[in-house]
Amino acid sequence: MLDVCLPGTGGMMPLPERWLSCCWIEYQGKALLVDCGEGTQIALKKAGCKLSRLDILLVTHFHADHIAGLPGLLLTLGNHDKKTPLLIVGPQHLEAVVSSLMIIAPALPYPVELIELKNGTEGLLEDDELSVSYLPLEHGIPCFGYRVSLRRKPVFNPEKAGQLGVPKNLFKTLHAGTPVRLDDGRQIEPRMVLDGERRPLSVTYITDSVPTAPMADFARDSDLLVCEGMYGETEMRDKMEEKGHMVFADSARLASMAGAGRLWLTHFSPAMKDPETYIGNARAVFRNTEIGYDGIKTTL
């Protein structure tokens, strides 16, 4: 399972009723966070995110509403007795930016590790279960979108296991991919009781960019696409293109082209007080669109 939450959904500056955009993704007691603008640690607490589980921070770009909350977040993690490393990933010059911000958070009880991304599309992090990839966006400064995918175990067939005489207490071991030996000496391989692979669960996060051709392939078949909608009015598109942003209809078109399962809109302009007013502009293009709000959650 992947647990996904948007603790904040605002752009440019935090508001009393809307924290700055970020995305929390948790799996099996571990979590990663995309972006940390001012006050992100408060937004995380209000949303019920367990900070002790945070291992990875993915930074999209170095505008203040996406990175200025880093010192507060680092200090808050320390106050939650974090001892394990925090990996921070972001565009080139990440080391210089993080070092500057850490001047006011110099003594942490855990190590901070950094990965600077280059202008390419490739896998970033990968283990037996989780993979993270990135895509360069167009926003006037280096900016990246991220895709997080969780591999799922093949389908376990209890009927096949029963026909082979496998006791139920060994089902979990076989499903995990480990052979078992029965009391009669036979060795049962996982492939003998499995029914094939399932596609990974995927969340794609794209913000602060004009639409680009590679986006649809990058987000292809995502279970959830989280994408910015700076303004709801389609009439704002020309102005948003000048500033490197998307309107609701742009994000909906991307979700449709990518074949995404669901679309959450986020990163709303402070001037847009009620994004729900414009939901029709998105659903006319992609029906399964939802307006993100601070604390929205789902489990994939």
C-alpha atoms as a PDB file:
ATOM      1  CA  MET A   1       0.000   0.000   0.000  1.00  0.00           C
ATOM      2  CA  LEU A   2       0.962   3.622  -0.501  1.00  0.00           C
ATOM      3  CA  ASP A   3      -0.520   6.206   1.862  1.00  0.00           C
ATOM      4  CA  VAL A   4      -0.608   9.648   0.229  1.00  0.00           C
ATOM      5  CA  CYS A   5      -1.388  12.983   1.884  1.00  0.00           C
ATOM      6  CA  LEU A   6      -1.218  16.642   0.873  1.00  0.00           C
ATOM      7  CA  PRO A   7      -0.498  18.489   4.141  1.00  0.00           C
ATOM      8  CA  GLY A   8      -0.482  21.786   2.217  1.00  0.00           C
ATOM      9  CA  THR A   9      -1.934  22.891  -1.116  1.00  0.00           C
ATOM     10  CA  GLY A  10      -0.977  26.570  -1.459  1.00  0.00           C
ATOM     11  CA  GLY A  11       1.411  28.379  -3.745  1.00  0.00           C
ATOM     12  CA  MET A  12       3.622  31.436  -3.211  1.00  0.00           C
ATOM     13  CA  MET A  13       2.906  32.037   0.489  1.00  0.00           C
ATOM     14  CA  PRO A  14       1.197  30.271   3.386  1.00  0.00           C
ATOM     15  CA  LEU A  15      -2.273  31.477   4.326  1.00  0.00           C
ATOM     16  CA  PRO A  16      -4.143  31.066   7.625  1.00  0.00           C
ATOM     17  CA  GLU A  17      -6.380  28.466   5.965  1.00  0.00           C
ATOM     18  CA  ARG A  18      -3.895  26.967   3.482  1.00  0.00           C
ATOM     19  CA  TRP A  19      -0.310  25.767   4.047  1.00  0.00           C
ATOM     20  CA  LEU A  20       2.214  25.619   1.240  1.00  0.00           C
ATOM     21  CA  SER A  21       2.164  22.694  -1.178  1.00  0.00           C
ATOM     22  CA  CYS A  22       3.877  19.469  -0.224  1.00  0.00           C
ATOM     23  CA  CYS A  23       3.173  15.763  -0.583  1.00  0.00           C
ATOM     24  CA  TRP A  24       3.682  12.988   1.981  1.00  0.00           C
ATOM     25  CA  ILE A  25       3.998   9.394   0.713  1.00  0.00           C
ATOM     26  CA  GLU A  26       4.309   6.560   3.227  1.00  0.00           C
ATOM     27  CA  TYR A  27       4.835   2.830   2.819  1.00  0.00           C
ATOM     28  CA  GLN A  28       5.552   0.126   5.405  1.00  0.00           C
ATOM     29  CA  GLY A  29       6.508   2.576   8.145  1.00  0.00           C
ATOM     30  CA  LYS A  30       8.819   4.670   5.950  1.00  0.00           C
ATOM     31  CA  ALA A  31       7.978   8.010   4.354  1.00  0.00           C
ATOM     32  CA  LEU A  32       9.166  10.550   1.840  1.00  0.00           C
ATOM     33  CA  LEU A  33       8.162  14.170   1.466  1.00  0.00           C
ATOM     34  CA  VAL A  34       8.061  16.344  -1.644  1.00  0.00           C
ATOM     35  CA  ASP A  35       8.942  19.997  -0.897  1.00  0.00           C
ATOM     36  CA  CYS A  36       9.041  21.938   2.367  1.00  0.00           C
ATOM     37  CA  GLY A  37       7.983  25.574   2.218  1.00  0.00           C
ATOM     38  CA  GLU A  38       7.520  27.784   5.268  1.00  0.00           C
ATOM     39  CA  GLY A  39       5.736  26.031   8.114  1.00  0.00           C
ATOM     40  CA  THR A  40       5.735  22.580   6.540  1.00  0.00           C
ATOM     41  CA  GLN A  41       6.470  20.912   9.884  1.00  0.00           C
ATOM     42  CA  ILE A  42       3.236  22.403  11.260  1.00  0.00           C
ATOM     43  CA  ALA A  43       1.244  21.278   8.221  1.00  0.00           C
ATOM     44  CA  LEU A  44       2.639  17.752   8.650  1.00  0.00           C
ATOM     45  CA  LYS A  45       1.608  17.627  12.290  1.00  0.00           C
ATOM     46  CA  LYS A  46      -1.880  18.939  11.566  1.00  0.00           C
ATOM     47  CA  ALA A  47      -2.284  16.274   8.872  1.00  0.00           C
ATOM     48  CA  GLY A  48      -1.245  13.509  11.281  1.00  0.00           C
ATOM     49  CA  CYS A  49       1.963  12.593   9.452  1.00  0.00           C
ATOM     50  CA  LYS A  50       4.443  10.785  11.711  1.00  0.00           C
ATOM     51  CA  LEU A  51       7.665  12.751  11.323  1.00  0.00           C
ATOM     52  CA  SER A  52       9.747   9.939  12.839  1.00  0.00           C
ATOM     53  CA  ARG A  53       9.132   7.950   9.641  1.00  0.00           C
ATOM     54  CA  LEU A  54      10.585  10.549   7.254  1.00  0.00           C
ATOM     55  CA  ASP A  55      13.699   9.284   5.428  1.00  0.00           C
ATOM     56  CA  ILE A  56      13.684  11.141   2.089  1.00  0.00           C
ATOM     57  CA  LEU A  57      12.963  14.742   1.095  1.00  0.00           C
ATOM     58  CA  LEU A  58      12.492  15.454  -2.620  1.00  0.00           C
ATOM     59  CA  VAL A  59      12.843  19.135  -3.547  1.00  0.00           C
ATOM     60  CA  THR A  60      11.284  20.236  -6.831  1.00  0.00           C
ATOM     61  CA  HIS A  61      13.126  23.595  -7.067  1.00  0.00           C
ATOM     62  CA  PHE A  62      14.628  26.413  -5.055  1.00  0.00           C
ATOM     63  CA  HIS A  63      11.836  28.967  -4.892  1.00  0.00           C
ATOM     64  CA  ALA A  64      11.110  29.893  -1.283  1.00  0.00           C
ATOM     65  CA  ASP A  65       7.615  28.383  -1.144  1.00  0.00           C
ATOM     66  CA  HIS A  66       9.192  24.973  -1.836  1.00  0.00           C
ATOM     67  CA  ILE A  67      12.388  25.041   0.261  1.00  0.00           C
ATOM     68  CA  ALA A  68      12.378  27.880   2.836  1.00  0.00           C
ATOM     69  CA  GLY A  69      10.871  25.646   5.519  1.00  0.00           C
ATOM     70  CA  LEU A  70      13.883  23.327   5.522  1.00  0.00           C
ATOM     71  CA  PRO A  71      15.592  24.617   8.716  1.00  0.00           C
ATOM     72  CA  GLY A  72      12.387  24.320  10.723  1.00  0.00           C
ATOM     73  CA  LEU A  73      11.729  20.845   9.381  1.00  0.00           C
ATOM     74  CA  LEU A  74      15.275  19.678  10.166  1.00  0.00           C
ATOM     75  CA  LEU A  75      15.091  21.000  13.721  1.00  0.00           C
ATOM     76  CA  THR A  76      11.652  19.473  14.268  1.00  0.00           C
ATOM     77  CA  LEU A  77      12.914  16.075  13.100  1.00  0.00           C
ATOM     78  CA  GLY A  78      15.733  16.368  15.641  1.00  0.00           C
ATOM     79  CA  ASN A  79      13.223  17.177  18.368  1.00  0.00           C
ATOM     80  CA  HIS A  80      11.417  13.953  17.409  1.00  0.00           C
ATOM     81  CA  ASP A  81      14.594  11.998  18.261  1.00  0.00           C
ATOM     82  CA  LYS A  82      15.487  11.195  14.680  1.00  0.00           C
ATOM     83  CA  LYS A  83      18.857   9.433  14.518  1.00  0.00           C
ATOM     84  CA  THR A  84      18.793   7.811  11.069  1.00  0.00           C
ATOM     85  CA  PRO A  85      19.993   9.709   7.964  1.00  0.00           C
ATOM     86  CA  LEU A  86      17.741  12.085   6.045  1.00  0.00           C
ATOM     87  CA  LEU A  87      18.357  11.996   2.301  1.00  0.00           C
ATOM     88  CA  ILE A  88      17.621  15.277   0.505  1.00  0.00           C
ATOM     89  CA  VAL A  89      17.304  15.214  -3.291  1.00  0.00           C
ATOM     90  CA  GLY A  90      17.053  18.259  -5.542  1.00  0.00           C
ATOM     91  CA  PRO A  91      18.426  20.232  -8.500  1.00  0.00           C
ATOM     92  CA  GLN A  92      22.050  21.202  -8.981  1.00  0.00           C
ATOM     93  CA  HIS A  93      23.425  23.552  -6.333  1.00  0.00           C
ATOM     94  CA  LEU A  94      21.443  21.654  -3.701  1.00  0.00           C
ATOM     95  CA  GLU A  95      24.521  21.477  -1.481  1.00  0.00           C
ATOM     96  CA  ALA A  96      24.982  25.253  -1.529  1.00  0.00           C
ATOM     97  CA  VAL A  97      21.312  25.924  -0.817  1.00  0.00           C
ATOM     98  CA  VAL A  98      21.031  23.387   1.986  1.00  0.00           C
ATOM     99  CA  SER A  99      24.319  24.502   3.560  1.00  0.00           C
ATOM    100  CA  SER A 100      23.102  28.107   3.597  1.00  0.00           C
ATOM    101  CA  LEU A 101      19.777  27.220   5.175  1.00  0.00           C
ATOM    102  CA  MET A 102      21.440  24.974   7.757  1.00  0.00           C
ATOM    103  CA  ILE A 103      23.380  27.906   9.164  1.00  0.00           C
ATOM    104  CA  ILE A 104      20.401  28.356  11.487  1.00  0.00           C
ATOM    105  CA  ALA A 105      20.095  24.597  12.105  1.00  0.00           C
ATOM    106  CA  PRO A 106      23.751  23.642  12.553  1.00  0.00           C
ATOM    107  CA  ALA A 107      23.595  20.894  15.184  1.00  0.00           C
ATOM    108  CA  LEU A 108      21.403  17.956  14.219  1.00  0.00           C
ATOM    109  CA  PRO A 109      21.358  14.542  15.941  1.00  0.00           C
ATOM    110  CA  TYR A 110      21.235  12.756  12.570  1.00  0.00           C
ATOM    111  CA  PRO A 111      23.242  12.943   9.330  1.00  0.00           C
ATOM    112  CA  VAL A 112      21.972  14.731   6.228  1.00  0.00           C
ATOM    113  CA  GLU A 113      22.846  13.198   2.863  1.00  0.00           C
ATOM    114  CA  LEU A 114      22.445  14.951  -0.498  1.00  0.00           C
ATOM    115  CA  ILE A 115      21.863  13.943  -4.125  1.00  0.00           C
ATOM    116  CA  GLU A 116      22.013  16.634  -6.809  1.00  0.00           C
ATOM    117  CA  LEU A 117      20.046  15.840  -9.956  1.00  0.00           C
ATOM    118  CA  LYS A 118      21.190  16.516 -13.486  1.00  0.00           C
ATOM    119  CA  ASN A 119      19.084  17.428 -16.488  1.00  0.00           C
ATOM    120  CA  GLY A 120      17.895  14.012 -17.574  1.00  0.00           C
ATOM    121  CA  THR A 121      15.110  11.506 -17.091  1.00  0.00           C
ATOM    122  CA  GLU A 122      16.217   8.452 -15.219  1.00  0.00           C
ATOM    123  CA  GLY A 123      15.763   6.379 -12.122  1.00  0.00           C
ATOM    124  CA  LEU A 124      16.883   8.080  -8.966  1.00  0.00           C
ATOM    125  CA  LEU A 125      16.360   5.690  -6.079  1.00  0.00           C
ATOM    126  CA  GLU A 126      15.547   2.027  -6.235  1.00  0.00           C
ATOM    127  CA  ASP A 127      15.335  -0.875  -3.818  1.00  0.00           C
ATOM    128  CA  ASP A 128      13.442  -4.159  -3.772  1.00  0.00           C
ATOM    129  CA  GLU A 129      10.125  -2.353  -3.283  1.00  0.00           C
ATOM    130  CA  LEU A 130      10.267   1.373  -4.020  1.00  0.00           C
ATOM    131  CA  SER A 131      11.598   3.324  -6.975  1.00  0.00           C
ATOM    132  CA  VAL A 132      11.759   7.086  -7.526  1.00  0.00           C
ATOM    133  CA  SER A 133      12.329   8.714 -10.920  1.00  0.00           C
ATOM    134  CA  TYR A 134      12.425  12.351 -11.984  1.00  0.00           C
ATOM    135  CA  LEU A 135      11.643  14.588 -14.951  1.00  0.00           C
ATOM    136  CA  PRO A 136      12.989  18.078 -15.745  1.00  0.00           C
ATOM    137  CA  LEU A 137      10.190  20.647 -15.961  1.00  0.00           C
ATOM    138  CA  GLU A 138      10.039  24.187 -17.393  1.00  0.00           C
ATOM    139  CA  HIS A 139       9.771  26.936 -14.806  1.00  0.00           C
ATOM    140  CA  GLY A 140      12.555  29.425 -15.506  1.00  0.00           C
ATOM    141  CA  ILE A 141      14.899  27.767 -13.001  1.00  0.00           C
ATOM    142  CA  PRO A 142      15.833  24.080 -12.704  1.00  0.00           C
ATOM    143  CA  CYS A 143      12.736  22.227 -11.522  1.00  0.00           C
ATOM    144  CA  PHE A 144      11.840  18.530 -11.367  1.00  0.00           C
ATOM    145  CA  GLY A 145       8.748  16.380 -11.201  1.00  0.00           C
ATOM    146  CA  TYR A 146       8.886  13.082  -9.329  1.00  0.00           C
ATOM    147  CA  ARG A 147       7.297   9.666  -9.756  1.00  0.00           C
ATOM    148  CA  VAL A 148       7.183   7.218  -6.854  1.00  0.00           C
ATOM    149  CA  SER A 149       6.382   3.575  -7.624  1.00  0.00           C
ATOM    150  CA  LEU A 150       5.875   0.664  -5.243  1.00  0.00           C
ATOM    151  CA  ARG A 151       6.323  -2.851  -6.557  1.00  0.00           C
ATOM    152  CA  ARG A 152       3.643  -5.295  -5.469  1.00  0.00           C
ATOM    153  CA  LYS A 153       3.958  -8.979  -4.736  1.00  0.00           C
ATOM    154  CA  PRO A 154       2.533 -11.389  -7.325  1.00  0.00           C
ATOM    155  CA  VAL A 155      -0.956 -12.743  -6.695  1.00  0.00           C
ATOM    156  CA  PHE A 156      -0.867 -15.668  -4.270  1.00  0.00           C
ATOM    157  CA  ASN A 157      -3.114 -18.633  -5.171  1.00  0.00           C
ATOM    158  CA  PRO A 158      -4.197 -20.490  -2.004  1.00  0.00           C
ATOM    159  CA  GLU A 159      -5.885 -23.224  -4.080  1.00  0.00           C
ATOM    160  CA  LYS A 160      -2.570 -24.111  -5.741  1.00  0.00           C
ATOM    161  CA  ALA A 161      -0.875 -24.111  -2.340  1.00  0.00           C
ATOM    162  CA  GLY A 162      -3.590 -26.336  -0.881  1.00  0.00           C
ATOM    163  CA  GLN A 163      -3.345 -28.823  -3.738  1.00  0.00           C
ATOM    164  CA  LEU A 164       0.383 -29.094  -3.034  1.00  0.00           C
ATOM    165  CA  GLY A 165      -0.270 -29.743   0.636  1.00  0.00           C
ATOM    166  CA  VAL A 166       1.305 -26.506   1.868  1.00  0.00           C
ATOM    167  CA  PRO A 167       0.234 -25.645   5.438  1.00  0.00           C
ATOM    168  CA  LYS A 168      -1.399 -22.215   5.800  1.00  0.00           C
ATOM    169  CA  ASN A 169       1.333 -21.037   8.166  1.00  0.00           C
ATOM    170  CA  LEU A 170       3.781 -21.194   5.227  1.00  0.00           C
ATOM    171  CA  PHE A 171       1.632 -19.162   2.802  1.00  0.00           C
ATOM    172  CA  LYS A 172       3.187 -15.857   3.858  1.00  0.00           C
ATOM    173  CA  THR A 173       6.730 -17.167   3.378  1.00  0.00           C
ATOM    174  CA  LEU A 174       5.979 -18.339  -0.155  1.00  0.00           C
ATOM    175  CA  HIS A 175       4.190 -15.108  -1.012  1.00  0.00           C
ATOM    176  CA  ALA A 176       7.305 -13.204   0.097  1.00  0.00           C
ATOM    177  CA  GLY A 177       9.319 -15.139  -2.498  1.00  0.00           C
ATOM    178  CA  THR A 178      11.057 -17.675  -0.233  1.00  0.00           C
ATOM    179  CA  PRO A 179      10.917 -21.444  -0.984  1.00  0.00           C
ATOM    180  CA  VAL A 180       9.702 -23.775   1.762  1.00  0.00           C
ATOM    181  CA  ARG A 181      10.382 -27.434   2.482  1.00  0.00           C
ATOM    182  CA  LEU A 182       7.494 -29.659   3.595  1.00  0.00           C
ATOM    183  CA  ASP A 183       7.653 -32.440   6.153  1.00  0.00           C
ATOM    184  CA  ASP A 184       7.710 -35.048   3.363  1.00  0.00           C
ATOM    185  CA  GLY A 185      10.909 -33.517   1.975  1.00  0.00           C
ATOM    186  CA  ARG A 186       9.395 -31.735  -1.033  1.00  0.00           C
ATOM    187  CA  GLN A 187      10.587 -28.187  -1.730  1.00  0.00           C
ATOM    188  CA  ILE A 188       7.877 -25.795  -2.875  1.00  0.00           C
ATOM    189  CA  GLU A 189       9.017 -22.847  -4.981  1.00  0.00           C
ATOM    190  CA  PRO A 190       7.102 -19.550  -4.926  1.00  0.00           C
ATOM    191  CA  ARG A 191       6.399 -19.778  -8.689  1.00  0.00           C
ATOM    192  CA  MET A 192       4.372 -22.938  -8.001  1.00  0.00           C
ATOM    193  CA  VAL A 193       1.755 -21.034  -5.986  1.00  0.00           C
ATOM    194  CA  LEU A 194       1.773 -17.583  -7.610  1.00  0.00           C
ATOM    195  CA  ASP A 195      -0.419 -16.317 -10.456  1.00  0.00           C
ATOM    196  CA  GLY A 196       1.737 -13.618 -12.017  1.00  0.00           C
ATOM    197  CA  GLU A 197       2.926 -10.064 -11.538  1.00  0.00           C
ATOM    198  CA  ARG A 198       0.808  -7.040 -10.670  1.00  0.00           C
ATOM    199  CA  ARG A 199       1.688  -3.608 -11.982  1.00  0.00           C
ATOM    200  CA  PRO A 200       3.312  -1.244  -9.461  1.00  0.00           C
ATOM    201  CA  LEU A 201       1.382   1.422  -7.581  1.00  0.00           C
ATOM    202  CA  SER A 202       2.505   4.866  -8.759  1.00  0.00           C
ATOM    203  CA  VAL A 203       2.125   8.478  -7.662  1.00  0.00           C
ATOM    204  CA  THR A 204       3.390  11.281  -9.929  1.00  0.00           C
ATOM    205  CA  TYR A 205       3.929  14.799  -8.569  1.00  0.00           C
ATOM    206  CA  ILE A 206       4.280  17.735 -10.971  1.00  0.00           C
ATOM    207  CA  THR A 207       4.236  21.387  -9.988  1.00  0.00           C
ATOM    208  CA  ASP A 208       5.575  24.770 -11.140  1.00  0.00           C
ATOM    209  CA  SER A 209       5.865  24.177 -14.862  1.00  0.00           C
ATOM    210  CA  VAL A 210       4.205  24.904 -18.150  1.00  0.00           C
ATOM    211  CA  PRO A 211       2.919  21.733 -19.863  1.00  0.00           C
ATOM    212  CA  THR A 212       5.678  19.833 -21.674  1.00  0.00           C
ATOM    213  CA  ALA A 213       5.537  16.941 -24.124  1.00  0.00           C
ATOM    214  CA  PRO A 214       7.382  14.390 -21.921  1.00  0.00           C
ATOM    215  CA  MET A 215       4.998  14.841 -18.978  1.00  0.00           C
ATOM    216  CA  ALA A 216       2.334  12.433 -20.247  1.00  0.00           C
ATOM    217  CA  ASP A 217       4.776   9.561 -20.720  1.00  0.00           C
ATOM    218  CA  PHE A 218       6.379  10.291 -17.361  1.00  0.00           C
ATOM    219  CA  ALA A 219       2.992  10.098 -15.605  1.00  0.00           C
ATOM    220  CA  ARG A 220       1.721   7.222 -17.763  1.00  0.00           C
ATOM    221  CA  ASP A 221      -0.802   4.990 -15.922  1.00  0.00           C
ATOM    222  CA  SER A 222      -0.161   6.640 -12.559  1.00  0.00           C
ATOM    223  CA  ASP A 223      -2.733   5.626  -9.990  1.00  0.00           C
ATOM    224  CA  LEU A 224      -2.641   9.200  -8.718  1.00  0.00           C
ATOM    225  CA  LEU A 225      -1.357  12.321 -10.451  1.00  0.00           C
ATOM    226  CA  VAL A 226      -0.810  15.300  -8.148  1.00  0.00           C
ATOM    227  CA  CYS A 227      -0.465  18.373 -10.325  1.00  0.00           C
ATOM    228  CA  GLU A 228      -0.499  22.095  -9.844  1.00  0.00           C
ATOM    229  CA  GLY A 229      -3.463  24.238 -10.789  1.00  0.00           C
ATOM    230  CA  MET A 230      -2.344  27.777 -10.075  1.00  0.00           C
ATOM    231  CA  TYR A 231      -5.640  29.179 -11.333  1.00  0.00           C
ATOM    232  CA  GLY A 232      -8.957  27.619 -12.203  1.00  0.00           C
ATOM    233  CA  GLU A 233      -9.900  29.979 -15.017  1.00  0.00           C
ATOM    234  CA  THR A 234      -8.830  28.807 -18.455  1.00  0.00           C
ATOM    235  CA  GLU A 235      -8.618  32.478 -19.437  1.00  0.00           C
ATOM    236  CA  MET A 236      -5.551  32.771 -17.186  1.00  0.00           C
ATOM    237  CA  ARG A 237      -3.510  30.344 -19.312  1.00  0.00           C
ATOM    238  CA  ASP A 238      -1.472  32.949 -21.228  1.00  0.00           C
ATOM    239  CA  LYS A 239      -0.510  34.749 -18.031  1.00  0.00           C
ATOM    240  CA  MET A 240       0.388  31.460 -16.332  1.00  0.00           C
ATOM    241  CA  GLU A 241       2.538  30.358 -19.261  1.00  0.00           C
ATOM    242  CA  GLU A 242       4.562  33.539 -18.836  1.00  0.00           C
ATOM    243  CA  LYS A 243       5.126  32.676 -15.176  1.00  0.00           C
ATOM    244  CA  GLY A 244       5.743  28.956 -15.711  1.00  0.00           C
ATOM    245  CA  HIS A 245       2.526  27.534 -14.274  1.00  0.00           C
ATOM    246  CA  MET A 246      -0.585  25.591 -15.280  1.00  0.00           C
ATOM    247  CA  VAL A 247      -4.309  26.198 -14.965  1.00  0.00           C
ATOM    248  CA  PHE A 248      -6.833  23.499 -14.056  1.00  0.00           C
ATOM    249  CA  ALA A 249      -7.581  22.544 -17.659  1.00  0.00           C
ATOM    250  CA  ASP A 250      -3.854  22.039 -18.396  1.00  0.00           C
ATOM    251  CA  SER A 251      -3.488  19.627 -15.492  1.00  0.00           C
ATOM    252  CA  ALA A 252      -6.670  17.783 -16.453  1.00  0.00           C
ATOM    253  CA  ARG A 253      -5.447  17.406 -20.027  1.00  0.00           C
ATOM    254  CA  LEU A 254      -2.200  15.944 -18.734  1.00  0.00           C
ATOM    255  CA  ALA A 255      -4.089  13.448 -16.558  1.00  0.00           C
ATOM    256  CA  SER A 256      -6.199  12.406 -19.538  1.00  0.00           C
ATOM    257  CA  MET A 257      -3.202  12.006 -21.868  1.00  0.00           C
ATOM    258  CA  ALA A 258      -1.321  10.013 -19.225  1.00  0.00           C
ATOM    259  CA  GLY A 259      -4.224   7.683 -18.508  1.00  0.00           C
ATOM    260  CA  ALA A 260      -3.990   8.484 -14.801  1.00  0.00           C
ATOM    261  CA  GLY A 261      -6.439   6.930 -12.398  1.00  0.00           C
ATOM    262  CA  ARG A 262      -7.108  10.121 -10.427  1.00  0.00           C
ATOM    263  CA  LEU A 263      -6.008  13.748 -10.443  1.00  0.00           C
ATOM    264  CA  TRP A 264      -5.476  15.878  -7.340  1.00  0.00           C
ATOM    265  CA  LEU A 265      -5.061  19.582  -8.034  1.00  0.00           C
ATOM    266  CA  THR A 266      -2.768  21.590  -5.753  1.00  0.00           C
ATOM    267  CA  HIS A 267      -0.492  24.667  -5.524  1.00  0.00           C
ATOM    268  CA  PHE A 268      -3.316  27.190  -5.689  1.00  0.00           C
ATOM    269  CA  SER A 269      -2.719  30.909  -6.043  1.00  0.00           C
ATOM    270  CA  PRO A 270      -3.381  32.927  -2.865  1.00  0.00           C
ATOM    271  CA  ALA A 271      -5.763  35.000  -4.974  1.00  0.00           C
ATOM    272  CA  MET A 272      -7.956  31.924  -5.621  1.00  0.00           C
ATOM    273  CA  LYS A 273      -9.921  31.692  -2.404  1.00  0.00           C
ATOM    274  CA  ASP A 274     -12.252  28.834  -3.405  1.00  0.00           C
ATOM    275  CA  PRO A 275     -10.733  26.440  -5.965  1.00  0.00           C
ATOM    276  CA  GLU A 276     -13.929  24.328  -5.937  1.00  0.00           C
ATOM    277  CA  THR A 277     -15.599  27.124  -7.906  1.00  0.00           C
ATOM    278  CA  TYR A 278     -13.616  26.088 -10.985  1.00  0.00           C
ATOM    279  CA  ILE A 279     -13.720  22.285 -10.664  1.00  0.00           C
ATOM    280  CA  GLY A 280     -15.933  22.095 -13.752  1.00  0.00           C
ATOM    281  CA  ASN A 281     -13.111  23.435 -15.929  1.00  0.00           C
ATOM    282  CA  ALA A 282     -11.032  20.410 -14.975  1.00  0.00           C
ATOM    283  CA  ARG A 283     -13.746  17.744 -14.949  1.00  0.00           C
ATOM    284  CA  ALA A 284     -14.859  18.743 -18.429  1.00  0.00           C
ATOM    285  CA  VAL A 285     -11.470  17.434 -19.562  1.00  0.00           C
ATOM    286  CA  PHE A 286     -10.761  14.713 -16.970  1.00  0.00           C
ATOM    287  CA  ARG A 287     -13.737  13.516 -14.969  1.00  0.00           C
ATOM    288  CA  ASN A 288     -11.845  11.939 -12.074  1.00  0.00           C
ATOM    289  CA  THR A 289     -10.417  15.249 -10.826  1.00  0.00           C
ATOM    290  CA  GLU A 290     -10.466  16.304  -7.185  1.00  0.00           C
ATOM    291  CA  ILE A 291      -9.599  19.650  -5.646  1.00  0.00           C
ATOM    292  CA  GLY A 292      -6.789  19.066  -3.163  1.00  0.00           C
ATOM    293  CA  TYR A 293      -7.138  20.532   0.303  1.00  0.00           C
ATOM    294  CA  ASP A 294      -4.844  20.599   3.302  1.00  0.00           C
ATOM    295  CA  GLY A 295      -4.895  17.129   4.845  1.00  0.00           C
ATOM    296  CA  ILE A 296      -6.491  15.238   1.943  1.00  0.00           C
ATOM    297  CA  LYS A 297      -5.507  11.559   2.159  1.00  0.00           C
ATOM    298  CA  THR A 298      -5.888   8.328   0.264  1.00  0.00           C
ATOM    299  CA  THR A 299      -4.494   4.790   0.377  1.00  0.00           C
ATOM    300  CA  LEU A 300      -3.528   3.122  -2.887  1.00  0.00           C
END
